[in-house]
Amino acid sequence: MVQAYILVQTEVGQAAEVAERIRAIDGVEKANDVTGPYDVIVQAEADDIDALGTLVVARIQRLDGIARTLTCPIVNI
């Protein structure tokens, strides 16, 4: 399993709505709207790094209201 934090910048005024839509996606554990340089922080899990990429590109980035994302895989040493 691969876990990651996905930092999301949204269009102005869209953070709460985007977070709600992201929460409904399979593989998303949490999605919270926050303040600061990013508008939504997502905690997600996938079978492997390829599946994580698919989750981000095919499911999350395609939602209306998202300007950009930054994916931060969690590394357990």
Protein backbone atom coordinates (compact mmCIF):
# COMPACT_ATOMS: atom_id res chain seq x y z
CA MET A 1 0.00 0.00 0.00
CA VAL A 2 1.07 3.55 -0.74
CA GLN A 3 -0.25 6.50 1.23
CA ALA A 4 0.08 10.14 0.28
CA TYR A 5 -0.95 13.65 1.11
CA ILE A 6 -2.30 15.54 -1.87
CA LEU A 7 -2.19 19.32 -1.57
CA VAL A 8 -4.83 21.03 -3.68
CA GLN A 9 -5.17 24.61 -4.84
CA THR A 10 -8.72 25.48 -5.89
CA GLU A 11 -10.37 28.32 -7.74
CA VAL A 12 -11.41 31.16 -5.42
CA GLY A 13 -14.35 30.19 -3.19
CA GLN A 14 -14.35 26.51 -4.22
CA ALA A 15 -12.43 24.85 -1.35
CA ALA A 16 -15.36 23.49 0.68
CA GLU A 17 -17.21 22.17 -2.38
CA VAL A 18 -14.06 20.59 -3.86
CA ALA A 19 -13.20 18.92 -0.53
CA GLU A 20 -16.69 17.45 -0.35
CA ARG A 21 -16.46 16.02 -3.88
CA ILE A 22 -12.98 14.61 -3.22
CA ARG A 23 -14.22 12.82 -0.06
CA ALA A 24 -16.55 10.73 -2.26
CA ILE A 25 -13.68 9.27 -4.31
CA ASP A 26 -12.58 5.69 -3.57
CA GLY A 27 -9.08 5.68 -2.07
CA VAL A 28 -9.53 9.01 -0.31
CA GLU A 29 -9.35 8.64 3.46
CA LYS A 30 -9.75 12.33 4.36
CA ALA A 31 -10.17 15.67 2.59
CA ASN A 32 -10.20 18.87 4.60
CA ASP A 33 -10.43 22.47 3.45
CA VAL A 34 -7.73 24.55 5.12
CA THR A 35 -6.18 28.02 4.98
CA GLY A 36 -2.77 28.87 3.62
CA PRO A 37 -1.08 28.34 0.27
CA TYR A 38 -3.21 25.22 -0.34
CA ASP A 39 -6.97 25.07 -0.02
CA VAL A 40 -7.60 21.35 0.51
CA ILE A 41 -5.38 18.65 2.02
CA VAL A 42 -6.24 15.08 1.05
CA GLN A 43 -5.02 11.87 2.64
CA ALA A 44 -5.24 9.00 0.17
CA GLU A 45 -4.22 5.37 -0.16
CA ALA A 46 -3.63 3.17 -3.22
CA ASP A 47 -2.23 -0.28 -3.96
CA ASP A 48 0.97 1.07 -5.51
CA ILE A 49 2.55 4.27 -6.86
CA ASP A 50 1.00 3.76 -10.31
CA ALA A 51 -2.48 3.44 -8.81
CA LEU A 52 -1.81 6.55 -6.74
CA GLY A 53 -0.90 8.45 -9.90
CA THR A 54 -4.09 7.28 -11.56
CA LEU A 55 -6.14 8.36 -8.54
CA VAL A 56 -4.65 11.84 -8.66
CA VAL A 57 -4.64 12.39 -12.42
CA ALA A 58 -7.79 10.57 -13.49
CA ARG A 59 -10.04 11.19 -10.50
CA ILE A 60 -8.96 14.22 -8.45
CA GLN A 61 -7.40 16.61 -10.99
CA ARG A 62 -10.40 16.27 -13.31
CA LEU A 63 -12.82 17.79 -10.80
CA ASP A 64 -14.11 21.25 -11.59
CA GLY A 65 -12.66 23.99 -9.40
CA ILE A 66 -9.15 22.52 -9.03
CA ALA A 67 -6.28 24.73 -10.19
CA ARG A 68 -3.34 22.41 -9.34
CA THR A 69 -2.22 19.59 -7.07
CA LEU A 70 0.99 18.49 -5.38
CA THR A 71 1.29 14.82 -4.40
CA CYS A 72 3.47 13.94 -1.39
CA PRO A 73 3.87 10.15 -0.96
CA ILE A 74 4.48 9.03 2.61
CA VAL A 75 7.82 7.26 3.03
CA ASN A 76 8.11 4.77 5.90
CA ILE A 77 11.71 3.76 6.48
